[in-house]
Amino acid sequence: MGILAGPEPVMPRSVTARGSAIAAAVVVLVAGCSADDRRAAPVPKVTGTPMASPAAYNAEDVRLATVLLTRRREAVALADIGVQRARDAQVRQLAEGLRQGYAGEIRKLEGLLTTWGGPSERPPAPAEQDRLRSVPAEAFDAAFLQALITNTRQTLGDVGRHREVTASGESQQLSAGVTSAGTALLVSLEEMRKG
Protein backbone atom coordinates (compact mmCIF):
# COMPACT_ATOMS: atom_id res chain seq x y z
CA MET A 1 0.00 0.00 0.00
CA GLY A 2 2.74 2.47 0.89
CA ILE A 3 5.23 3.99 -1.51
CA LEU A 4 8.20 2.85 0.55
CA ALA A 5 9.30 -0.75 0.17
CA GLY A 6 8.90 -3.10 3.10
CA PRO A 7 6.18 -4.83 4.98
CA GLU A 8 3.04 -2.97 5.97
CA PRO A 9 2.72 -2.33 9.69
CA VAL A 10 0.31 -4.66 11.40
CA MET A 11 -2.45 -2.62 12.96
CA PRO A 12 -4.95 -3.94 15.46
CA ARG A 13 -8.26 -4.79 13.81
CA SER A 14 -10.12 -2.07 15.74
CA VAL A 15 -7.68 0.62 14.52
CA THR A 16 -7.91 -0.42 10.86
CA ALA A 17 -11.70 -0.78 11.05
CA ARG A 18 -12.01 2.65 12.62
CA GLY A 19 -9.69 4.16 10.03
CA SER A 20 -11.73 2.59 7.24
CA ALA A 21 -14.95 3.93 8.75
CA ILE A 22 -13.50 7.43 9.02
CA ALA A 23 -12.15 7.32 5.48
CA ALA A 24 -15.54 6.15 4.23
CA ALA A 25 -17.33 8.91 6.13
CA VAL A 26 -15.06 11.62 4.71
CA VAL A 27 -15.40 10.21 1.17
CA VAL A 28 -19.20 10.19 1.53
CA LEU A 29 -19.18 13.83 2.61
CA VAL A 30 -16.86 15.07 -0.09
CA ALA A 31 -18.42 12.93 -2.83
CA GLY A 32 -21.80 14.45 -2.04
CA CYS A 33 -20.50 17.88 -3.09
CA SER A 34 -19.48 18.91 -6.58
CA ALA A 35 -16.33 20.90 -7.16
CA ASP A 36 -18.50 24.01 -7.50
CA ASP A 37 -20.05 23.29 -4.08
CA ARG A 38 -16.64 23.29 -2.39
CA ARG A 39 -15.71 26.76 -3.67
CA ALA A 40 -15.51 29.63 -1.24
CA ALA A 41 -18.07 31.72 -3.15
CA PRO A 42 -21.00 32.97 -1.03
CA VAL A 43 -23.60 31.90 -3.62
CA PRO A 44 -23.27 28.68 -5.64
CA LYS A 45 -22.43 28.96 -9.31
CA VAL A 46 -25.26 27.54 -11.38
CA THR A 47 -24.10 24.58 -13.44
CA GLY A 48 -26.06 21.67 -14.86
CA THR A 49 -29.58 21.90 -13.46
CA PRO A 50 -30.55 25.56 -13.05
CA MET A 51 -31.88 26.88 -9.76
CA ALA A 52 -35.64 26.57 -9.45
CA SER A 53 -37.74 29.40 -10.71
CA PRO A 54 -40.16 31.02 -8.26
CA ALA A 55 -43.08 29.09 -9.82
CA ALA A 56 -41.36 25.72 -9.41
CA TYR A 57 -41.39 25.47 -5.63
CA ASN A 58 -43.86 25.38 -2.75
CA ALA A 59 -43.91 26.10 0.99
CA GLU A 60 -42.57 22.60 1.74
CA ASP A 61 -39.50 23.28 -0.41
CA VAL A 62 -38.79 26.37 1.70
CA ARG A 63 -39.40 24.44 4.95
CA LEU A 64 -37.13 21.60 3.86
CA ALA A 65 -34.33 23.96 2.81
CA THR A 66 -34.68 25.92 6.07
CA VAL A 67 -34.56 22.79 8.22
CA LEU A 68 -31.62 21.33 6.29
CA LEU A 69 -29.74 24.61 6.53
CA THR A 70 -30.22 24.58 10.30
CA ARG A 71 -29.09 20.93 10.59
CA ARG A 72 -26.02 21.53 8.44
CA ARG A 73 -25.04 24.61 10.43
CA GLU A 74 -25.47 22.59 13.64
CA ALA A 75 -23.24 19.82 12.23
CA VAL A 76 -20.56 22.34 11.24
CA ALA A 77 -20.69 23.92 14.71
CA LEU A 78 -20.24 20.45 16.23
CA ALA A 79 -17.39 19.76 13.80
CA ASP A 80 -15.68 23.02 14.82
CA ILE A 81 -15.65 21.75 18.39
CA GLY A 82 -14.48 18.33 17.20
CA VAL A 83 -11.51 19.81 15.35
CA GLN A 84 -10.46 21.62 18.54
CA ARG A 85 -11.13 18.89 21.11
CA ALA A 86 -10.91 15.44 19.52
CA ARG A 87 -8.09 13.37 20.95
CA ASP A 88 -8.03 10.82 18.15
CA ALA A 89 -6.47 12.13 14.93
CA GLN A 90 -8.99 10.19 12.85
CA VAL A 91 -11.91 11.77 14.67
CA ARG A 92 -10.34 15.20 14.08
CA GLN A 93 -10.00 14.25 10.40
CA LEU A 94 -13.69 13.38 10.29
CA ALA A 95 -14.59 16.70 11.93
CA GLU A 96 -12.55 18.61 9.36
CA GLY A 97 -14.15 16.59 6.56
CA LEU A 98 -17.59 17.51 7.89
CA ARG A 99 -16.73 21.20 7.94
CA GLN A 100 -15.51 21.12 4.36
CA GLY A 101 -18.16 18.71 3.08
CA TYR A 102 -21.14 20.61 4.45
CA ALA A 103 -19.88 24.05 3.38
CA GLY A 104 -21.05 23.45 -0.20
CA GLU A 105 -24.47 22.26 0.93
CA ILE A 106 -24.87 25.30 3.16
CA ARG A 107 -24.08 27.63 0.24
CA LYS A 108 -26.51 25.75 -1.99
CA LEU A 109 -29.29 25.93 0.62
CA GLU A 110 -28.65 29.63 1.21
CA GLY A 111 -28.84 30.18 -2.56
CA LEU A 112 -32.13 28.30 -2.81
CA LEU A 113 -33.64 30.22 0.08
CA THR A 114 -32.50 33.52 -1.44
CA THR A 115 -34.09 32.51 -4.76
CA TRP A 116 -37.29 31.41 -3.05
CA GLY A 117 -37.48 34.37 -0.70
CA GLY A 118 -37.27 32.18 2.39
CA PRO A 119 -35.44 32.79 5.63
CA SER A 120 -31.76 31.87 5.58
CA GLU A 121 -30.64 33.17 8.95
CA ARG A 122 -31.43 30.76 11.73
CA PRO A 123 -28.78 30.26 14.39
CA PRO A 124 -27.96 26.69 15.35
CA ALA A 125 -29.15 25.45 18.73
CA PRO A 126 -26.29 25.91 21.20
CA ALA A 127 -27.41 23.32 23.79
CA GLU A 128 -25.60 20.36 22.21
CA GLN A 129 -22.54 22.49 21.50
CA ASP A 130 -22.42 23.67 25.12
CA ARG A 131 -22.77 20.08 26.31
CA LEU A 132 -19.91 18.93 24.07
CA ARG A 133 -17.65 21.72 25.30
CA SER A 134 -18.16 20.54 28.88
CA VAL A 135 -17.50 16.83 28.25
CA PRO A 136 -14.26 15.64 29.88
CA ALA A 137 -11.41 15.20 27.40
CA GLU A 138 -11.22 11.41 27.80
CA ALA A 139 -14.92 11.05 26.92
CA PHE A 140 -15.06 13.67 24.16
CA ASP A 141 -14.54 11.51 21.07
CA ALA A 142 -17.39 9.15 21.97
CA ALA A 143 -19.69 12.07 22.86
CA PHE A 144 -18.78 13.84 19.62
CA LEU A 145 -19.55 10.78 17.51
CA GLN A 146 -22.87 10.35 19.32
CA ALA A 147 -23.76 14.00 18.68
CA LEU A 148 -23.02 13.51 14.96
CA ILE A 149 -25.13 10.34 14.91
CA THR A 150 -28.02 12.22 16.50
CA ASN A 151 -27.68 15.13 14.05
CA THR A 152 -27.55 12.75 11.08
CA ARG A 153 -30.62 10.82 12.26
CA GLN A 154 -32.52 14.08 12.76
CA THR A 155 -31.51 15.24 9.29
CA LEU A 156 -32.67 11.99 7.70
CA GLY A 157 -35.96 12.23 9.60
CA ASP A 158 -36.47 15.82 8.43
CA VAL A 159 -35.83 14.87 4.81
CA GLY A 160 -38.22 11.92 5.09
CA ARG A 161 -41.01 14.15 6.43
CA HIS A 162 -40.68 16.79 3.70
CA ARG A 163 -39.40 14.93 0.63
CA GLU A 164 -42.71 13.66 -0.75
CA VAL A 165 -44.48 17.02 -0.61
CA THR A 166 -41.85 19.27 -2.16
CA ALA A 167 -42.43 20.57 -5.68
CA SER A 168 -38.94 21.65 -6.73
CA GLY A 169 -36.71 19.33 -8.69
CA GLU A 170 -33.81 20.94 -6.83
CA SER A 171 -35.36 19.88 -3.50
CA GLN A 172 -35.91 16.36 -4.79
CA GLN A 173 -32.27 16.07 -5.93
CA LEU A 174 -31.02 17.55 -2.68
CA SER A 175 -33.22 15.16 -0.67
CA ALA A 176 -31.97 12.14 -2.58
CA GLY A 177 -28.34 13.18 -2.10
CA VAL A 178 -28.79 13.94 1.61
CA THR A 179 -30.58 10.62 2.14
CA SER A 180 -27.93 8.59 0.32
CA ALA A 181 -24.92 10.33 1.89
CA GLY A 182 -26.57 10.56 5.32
CA THR A 183 -27.38 6.86 5.40
CA ALA A 184 -23.81 5.94 4.47
CA LEU A 185 -22.43 8.45 7.00
CA LEU A 186 -24.65 7.02 9.72
CA VAL A 187 -23.30 3.51 9.06
CA SER A 188 -19.71 4.81 9.20
CA LEU A 189 -20.33 6.77 12.40
CA GLU A 190 -21.87 3.73 14.08
CA GLU A 191 -18.82 1.64 13.09
CA MET A 192 -16.47 4.32 14.42
CA ARG A 193 -18.35 4.56 17.69
CA LYS A 194 -18.06 0.81 18.21
CA GLY A 195 -14.36 1.21 17.47
C-alpha atoms as a PDB file:
ATOM      1  CA  MET A   1       0.000   0.000   0.000  1.00  0.00           C
ATOM      2  CA  GLY A   2       2.745   2.471   0.887  1.00  0.00           C
ATOM      3  CA  ILE A   3       5.231   3.988  -1.512  1.00  0.00           C
ATOM      4  CA  LEU A   4       8.195   2.854   0.547  1.00  0.00           C
ATOM      5  CA  ALA A   5       9.297  -0.754   0.173  1.00  0.00           C
ATOM      6  CA  GLY A   6       8.900  -3.095   3.098  1.00  0.00           C
ATOM      7  CA  PRO A   7       6.178  -4.831   4.983  1.00  0.00           C
ATOM      8  CA  GLU A   8       3.037  -2.970   5.967  1.00  0.00           C
ATOM      9  CA  PRO A   9       2.718  -2.335   9.685  1.00  0.00           C
ATOM     10  CA  VAL A  10       0.306  -4.659  11.405  1.00  0.00           C
ATOM     11  CA  MET A  11      -2.455  -2.619  12.958  1.00  0.00           C
ATOM     12  CA  PRO A  12      -4.949  -3.938  15.465  1.00  0.00           C
ATOM     13  CA  ARG A  13      -8.255  -4.794  13.814  1.00  0.00           C
ATOM     14  CA  SER A  14     -10.123  -2.067  15.740  1.00  0.00           C
ATOM     15  CA  VAL A  15      -7.684   0.617  14.515  1.00  0.00           C
ATOM     16  CA  THR A  16      -7.911  -0.418  10.860  1.00  0.00           C
ATOM     17  CA  ALA A  17     -11.701  -0.784  11.047  1.00  0.00           C
ATOM     18  CA  ARG A  18     -12.008   2.647  12.619  1.00  0.00           C
ATOM     19  CA  GLY A  19      -9.688   4.157  10.028  1.00  0.00           C
ATOM     20  CA  SER A  20     -11.733   2.585   7.243  1.00  0.00           C
ATOM     21  CA  ALA A  21     -14.946   3.926   8.746  1.00  0.00           C
ATOM     22  CA  ILE A  22     -13.498   7.429   9.024  1.00  0.00           C
ATOM     23  CA  ALA A  23     -12.145   7.320   5.481  1.00  0.00           C
ATOM     24  CA  ALA A  24     -15.538   6.146   4.233  1.00  0.00           C
ATOM     25  CA  ALA A  25     -17.333   8.910   6.126  1.00  0.00           C
ATOM     26  CA  VAL A  26     -15.062  11.617   4.706  1.00  0.00           C
ATOM     27  CA  VAL A  27     -15.401  10.213   1.167  1.00  0.00           C
ATOM     28  CA  VAL A  28     -19.200  10.193   1.528  1.00  0.00           C
ATOM     29  CA  LEU A  29     -19.175  13.827   2.614  1.00  0.00           C
ATOM     30  CA  VAL A  30     -16.856  15.068  -0.088  1.00  0.00           C
ATOM     31  CA  ALA A  31     -18.421  12.931  -2.826  1.00  0.00           C
ATOM     32  CA  GLY A  32     -21.796  14.455  -2.036  1.00  0.00           C
ATOM     33  CA  CYS A  33     -20.501  17.881  -3.091  1.00  0.00           C
ATOM     34  CA  SER A  34     -19.479  18.912  -6.581  1.00  0.00           C
ATOM     35  CA  ALA A  35     -16.333  20.905  -7.161  1.00  0.00           C
ATOM     36  CA  ASP A  36     -18.502  24.006  -7.504  1.00  0.00           C
ATOM     37  CA  ASP A  37     -20.050  23.291  -4.078  1.00  0.00           C
ATOM     38  CA  ARG A  38     -16.639  23.289  -2.390  1.00  0.00           C
ATOM     39  CA  ARG A  39     -15.709  26.757  -3.674  1.00  0.00           C
ATOM     40  CA  ALA A  40     -15.510  29.627  -1.237  1.00  0.00           C
ATOM     41  CA  ALA A  41     -18.066  31.724  -3.147  1.00  0.00           C
ATOM     42  CA  PRO A  42     -20.997  32.967  -1.034  1.00  0.00           C
ATOM     43  CA  VAL A  43     -23.601  31.902  -3.622  1.00  0.00           C
ATOM     44  CA  PRO A  44     -23.271  28.683  -5.643  1.00  0.00           C
ATOM     45  CA  LYS A  45     -22.430  28.957  -9.311  1.00  0.00           C
ATOM     46  CA  VAL A  46     -25.263  27.541 -11.380  1.00  0.00           C
ATOM     47  CA  THR A  47     -24.098  24.578 -13.442  1.00  0.00           C
ATOM     48  CA  GLY A  48     -26.063  21.667 -14.859  1.00  0.00           C
ATOM     49  CA  THR A  49     -29.576  21.902 -13.458  1.00  0.00           C
ATOM     50  CA  PRO A  50     -30.553  25.556 -13.047  1.00  0.00           C
ATOM     51  CA  MET A  51     -31.883  26.878  -9.759  1.00  0.00           C
ATOM     52  CA  ALA A  52     -35.635  26.571  -9.445  1.00  0.00           C
ATOM     53  CA  SER A  53     -37.742  29.405 -10.706  1.00  0.00           C
ATOM     54  CA  PRO A  54     -40.158  31.020  -8.263  1.00  0.00           C
ATOM     55  CA  ALA A  55     -43.082  29.093  -9.817  1.00  0.00           C
ATOM     56  CA  ALA A  56     -41.357  25.717  -9.410  1.00  0.00           C
ATOM     57  CA  TYR A  57     -41.387  25.465  -5.626  1.00  0.00           C
ATOM     58  CA  ASN A  58     -43.865  25.383  -2.752  1.00  0.00           C
ATOM     59  CA  ALA A  59     -43.913  26.102   0.987  1.00  0.00           C
ATOM     60  CA  GLU A  60     -42.570  22.602   1.739  1.00  0.00           C
ATOM     61  CA  ASP A  61     -39.496  23.283  -0.409  1.00  0.00           C
ATOM     62  CA  VAL A  62     -38.793  26.373   1.701  1.00  0.00           C
ATOM     63  CA  ARG A  63     -39.403  24.444   4.948  1.00  0.00           C
ATOM     64  CA  LEU A  64     -37.126  21.597   3.860  1.00  0.00           C
ATOM     65  CA  ALA A  65     -34.325  23.955   2.814  1.00  0.00           C
ATOM     66  CA  THR A  66     -34.676  25.924   6.066  1.00  0.00           C
ATOM     67  CA  VAL A  67     -34.564  22.787   8.219  1.00  0.00           C
ATOM     68  CA  LEU A  68     -31.619  21.327   6.289  1.00  0.00           C
ATOM     69  CA  LEU A  69     -29.738  24.606   6.532  1.00  0.00           C
ATOM     70  CA  THR A  70     -30.216  24.582  10.295  1.00  0.00           C
ATOM     71  CA  ARG A  71     -29.087  20.935  10.593  1.00  0.00           C
ATOM     72  CA  ARG A  72     -26.016  21.531   8.442  1.00  0.00           C
ATOM     73  CA  ARG A  73     -25.040  24.609  10.430  1.00  0.00           C
ATOM     74  CA  GLU A  74     -25.466  22.586  13.638  1.00  0.00           C
ATOM     75  CA  ALA A  75     -23.241  19.816  12.230  1.00  0.00           C
ATOM     76  CA  VAL A  76     -20.563  22.344  11.237  1.00  0.00           C
ATOM     77  CA  ALA A  77     -20.691  23.925  14.709  1.00  0.00           C
ATOM     78  CA  LEU A  78     -20.242  20.452  16.234  1.00  0.00           C
ATOM     79  CA  ALA A  79     -17.390  19.764  13.799  1.00  0.00           C
ATOM     80  CA  ASP A  80     -15.679  23.015  14.816  1.00  0.00           C
ATOM     81  CA  ILE A  81     -15.645  21.747  18.393  1.00  0.00           C
ATOM     82  CA  GLY A  82     -14.476  18.327  17.201  1.00  0.00           C
ATOM     83  CA  VAL A  83     -11.507  19.806  15.350  1.00  0.00           C
ATOM     84  CA  GLN A  84     -10.464  21.622  18.538  1.00  0.00           C
ATOM     85  CA  ARG A  85     -11.126  18.889  21.110  1.00  0.00           C
ATOM     86  CA  ALA A  86     -10.915  15.436  19.518  1.00  0.00           C
ATOM     87  CA  ARG A  87      -8.089  13.369  20.950  1.00  0.00           C
ATOM     88  CA  ASP A  88      -8.031  10.818  18.154  1.00  0.00           C
ATOM     89  CA  ALA A  89      -6.465  12.127  14.929  1.00  0.00           C
ATOM     90  CA  GLN A  90      -8.991  10.188  12.848  1.00  0.00           C
ATOM     91  CA  VAL A  91     -11.914  11.773  14.673  1.00  0.00           C
ATOM     92  CA  ARG A  92     -10.341  15.203  14.075  1.00  0.00           C
ATOM     93  CA  GLN A  93      -9.996  14.255  10.396  1.00  0.00           C
ATOM     94  CA  LEU A  94     -13.687  13.377  10.286  1.00  0.00           C
ATOM     95  CA  ALA A  95     -14.588  16.699  11.927  1.00  0.00           C
ATOM     96  CA  GLU A  96     -12.547  18.612   9.361  1.00  0.00           C
ATOM     97  CA  GLY A  97     -14.146  16.591   6.561  1.00  0.00           C
ATOM     98  CA  LEU A  98     -17.587  17.509   7.893  1.00  0.00           C
ATOM     99  CA  ARG A  99     -16.730  21.205   7.939  1.00  0.00           C
ATOM    100  CA  GLN A 100     -15.514  21.117   4.362  1.00  0.00           C
ATOM    101  CA  GLY A 101     -18.159  18.707   3.081  1.00  0.00           C
ATOM    102  CA  TYR A 102     -21.136  20.607   4.448  1.00  0.00           C
ATOM    103  CA  ALA A 103     -19.884  24.048   3.378  1.00  0.00           C
ATOM    104  CA  GLY A 104     -21.053  23.453  -0.202  1.00  0.00           C
ATOM    105  CA  GLU A 105     -24.467  22.263   0.926  1.00  0.00           C
ATOM    106  CA  ILE A 106     -24.868  25.295   3.163  1.00  0.00           C
ATOM    107  CA  ARG A 107     -24.080  27.627   0.242  1.00  0.00           C
ATOM    108  CA  LYS A 108     -26.510  25.751  -1.990  1.00  0.00           C
ATOM    109  CA  LEU A 109     -29.287  25.928   0.620  1.00  0.00           C
ATOM    110  CA  GLU A 110     -28.646  29.628   1.213  1.00  0.00           C
ATOM    111  CA  GLY A 111     -28.840  30.184  -2.560  1.00  0.00           C
ATOM    112  CA  LEU A 112     -32.127  28.301  -2.808  1.00  0.00           C
ATOM    113  CA  LEU A 113     -33.639  30.223   0.077  1.00  0.00           C
ATOM    114  CA  THR A 114     -32.501  33.525  -1.445  1.00  0.00           C
ATOM    115  CA  THR A 115     -34.085  32.505  -4.764  1.00  0.00           C
ATOM    116  CA  TRP A 116     -37.290  31.408  -3.054  1.00  0.00           C
ATOM    117  CA  GLY A 117     -37.482  34.373  -0.695  1.00  0.00           C
ATOM    118  CA  GLY A 118     -37.275  32.180   2.387  1.00  0.00           C
ATOM    119  CA  PRO A 119     -35.436  32.794   5.630  1.00  0.00           C
ATOM    120  CA  SER A 120     -31.763  31.866   5.575  1.00  0.00           C
ATOM    121  CA  GLU A 121     -30.644  33.170   8.949  1.00  0.00           C
ATOM    122  CA  ARG A 122     -31.427  30.761  11.730  1.00  0.00           C
ATOM    123  CA  PRO A 123     -28.780  30.264  14.387  1.00  0.00           C
ATOM    124  CA  PRO A 124     -27.957  26.686  15.353  1.00  0.00           C
ATOM    125  CA  ALA A 125     -29.152  25.455  18.729  1.00  0.00           C
ATOM    126  CA  PRO A 126     -26.290  25.914  21.203  1.00  0.00           C
ATOM    127  CA  ALA A 127     -27.410  23.322  23.791  1.00  0.00           C
ATOM    128  CA  GLU A 128     -25.601  20.361  22.206  1.00  0.00           C
ATOM    129  CA  GLN A 129     -22.540  22.491  21.499  1.00  0.00           C
ATOM    130  CA  ASP A 130     -22.419  23.674  25.116  1.00  0.00           C
ATOM    131  CA  ARG A 131     -22.773  20.077  26.309  1.00  0.00           C
ATOM    132  CA  LEU A 132     -19.913  18.932  24.066  1.00  0.00           C
ATOM    133  CA  ARG A 133     -17.654  21.725  25.299  1.00  0.00           C
ATOM    134  CA  SER A 134     -18.162  20.544  28.877  1.00  0.00           C
ATOM    135  CA  VAL A 135     -17.504  16.826  28.250  1.00  0.00           C
ATOM    136  CA  PRO A 136     -14.260  15.639  29.884  1.00  0.00           C
ATOM    137  CA  ALA A 137     -11.411  15.199  27.396  1.00  0.00           C
ATOM    138  CA  GLU A 138     -11.224  11.413  27.802  1.00  0.00           C
ATOM    139  CA  ALA A 139     -14.920  11.053  26.923  1.00  0.00           C
ATOM    140  CA  PHE A 140     -15.064  13.670  24.163  1.00  0.00           C
ATOM    141  CA  ASP A 141     -14.541  11.513  21.073  1.00  0.00           C
ATOM    142  CA  ALA A 142     -17.394   9.151  21.975  1.00  0.00           C
ATOM    143  CA  ALA A 143     -19.690  12.066  22.865  1.00  0.00           C
ATOM    144  CA  PHE A 144     -18.781  13.842  19.624  1.00  0.00           C
ATOM    145  CA  LEU A 145     -19.545  10.776  17.506  1.00  0.00           C
ATOM    146  CA  GLN A 146     -22.868  10.348  19.324  1.00  0.00           C
ATOM    147  CA  ALA A 147     -23.756  14.003  18.679  1.00  0.00           C
ATOM    148  CA  LEU A 148     -23.023  13.506  14.956  1.00  0.00           C
ATOM    149  CA  ILE A 149     -25.129  10.338  14.910  1.00  0.00           C
ATOM    150  CA  THR A 150     -28.024  12.225  16.504  1.00  0.00           C
ATOM    151  CA  ASN A 151     -27.682  15.131  14.054  1.00  0.00           C
ATOM    152  CA  THR A 152     -27.546  12.746  11.081  1.00  0.00           C
ATOM    153  CA  ARG A 153     -30.622  10.823  12.260  1.00  0.00           C
ATOM    154  CA  GLN A 154     -32.515  14.078  12.764  1.00  0.00           C
ATOM    155  CA  THR A 155     -31.511  15.240   9.291  1.00  0.00           C
ATOM    156  CA  LEU A 156     -32.672  11.989   7.701  1.00  0.00           C
ATOM    157  CA  GLY A 157     -35.960  12.235   9.600  1.00  0.00           C
ATOM    158  CA  ASP A 158     -36.469  15.821   8.431  1.00  0.00           C
ATOM    159  CA  VAL A 159     -35.826  14.870   4.813  1.00  0.00           C
ATOM    160  CA  GLY A 160     -38.220  11.925   5.092  1.00  0.00           C
ATOM    161  CA  ARG A 161     -41.010  14.152   6.427  1.00  0.00           C
ATOM    162  CA  HIS A 162     -40.681  16.792   3.698  1.00  0.00           C
ATOM    163  CA  ARG A 163     -39.402  14.932   0.634  1.00  0.00           C
ATOM    164  CA  GLU A 164     -42.706  13.660  -0.750  1.00  0.00           C
ATOM    165  CA  VAL A 165     -44.482  17.022  -0.612  1.00  0.00           C
ATOM    166  CA  THR A 166     -41.850  19.268  -2.160  1.00  0.00           C
ATOM    167  CA  ALA A 167     -42.434  20.569  -5.685  1.00  0.00           C
ATOM    168  CA  SER A 168     -38.943  21.646  -6.726  1.00  0.00           C
ATOM    169  CA  GLY A 169     -36.708  19.328  -8.693  1.00  0.00           C
ATOM    170  CA  GLU A 170     -33.808  20.940  -6.829  1.00  0.00           C
ATOM    171  CA  SER A 171     -35.361  19.881  -3.500  1.00  0.00           C
ATOM    172  CA  GLN A 172     -35.909  16.360  -4.788  1.00  0.00           C
ATOM    173  CA  GLN A 173     -32.275  16.070  -5.927  1.00  0.00           C
ATOM    174  CA  LEU A 174     -31.018  17.547  -2.680  1.00  0.00           C
ATOM    175  CA  SER A 175     -33.221  15.163  -0.665  1.00  0.00           C
ATOM    176  CA  ALA A 176     -31.974  12.144  -2.583  1.00  0.00           C
ATOM    177  CA  GLY A 177     -28.340  13.175  -2.098  1.00  0.00           C
ATOM    178  CA  VAL A 178     -28.793  13.936   1.605  1.00  0.00           C
ATOM    179  CA  THR A 179     -30.575  10.621   2.138  1.00  0.00           C
ATOM    180  CA  SER A 180     -27.927   8.594   0.325  1.00  0.00           C
ATOM    181  CA  ALA A 181     -24.923  10.330   1.887  1.00  0.00           C
ATOM    182  CA  GLY A 182     -26.568  10.555   5.318  1.00  0.00           C
ATOM    183  CA  THR A 183     -27.383   6.861   5.396  1.00  0.00           C
ATOM    184  CA  ALA A 184     -23.806   5.945   4.469  1.00  0.00           C
ATOM    185  CA  LEU A 185     -22.431   8.447   7.000  1.00  0.00           C
ATOM    186  CA  LEU A 186     -24.646   7.016   9.724  1.00  0.00           C
ATOM    187  CA  VAL A 187     -23.303   3.506   9.060  1.00  0.00           C
ATOM    188  CA  SER A 188     -19.714   4.809   9.197  1.00  0.00           C
ATOM    189  CA  LEU A 189     -20.333   6.767  12.396  1.00  0.00           C
ATOM    190  CA  GLU A 190     -21.873   3.727  14.077  1.00  0.00           C
ATOM    191  CA  GLU A 191     -18.815   1.641  13.088  1.00  0.00           C
ATOM    192  CA  MET A 192     -16.468   4.322  14.424  1.00  0.00           C
ATOM    193  CA  ARG A 193     -18.350   4.557  17.695  1.00  0.00           C
ATOM    194  CA  LYS A 194     -18.064   0.805  18.210  1.00  0.00           C
ATOM    195  CA  GLY A 195     -14.359   1.206  17.472  1.00  0.00           C
END
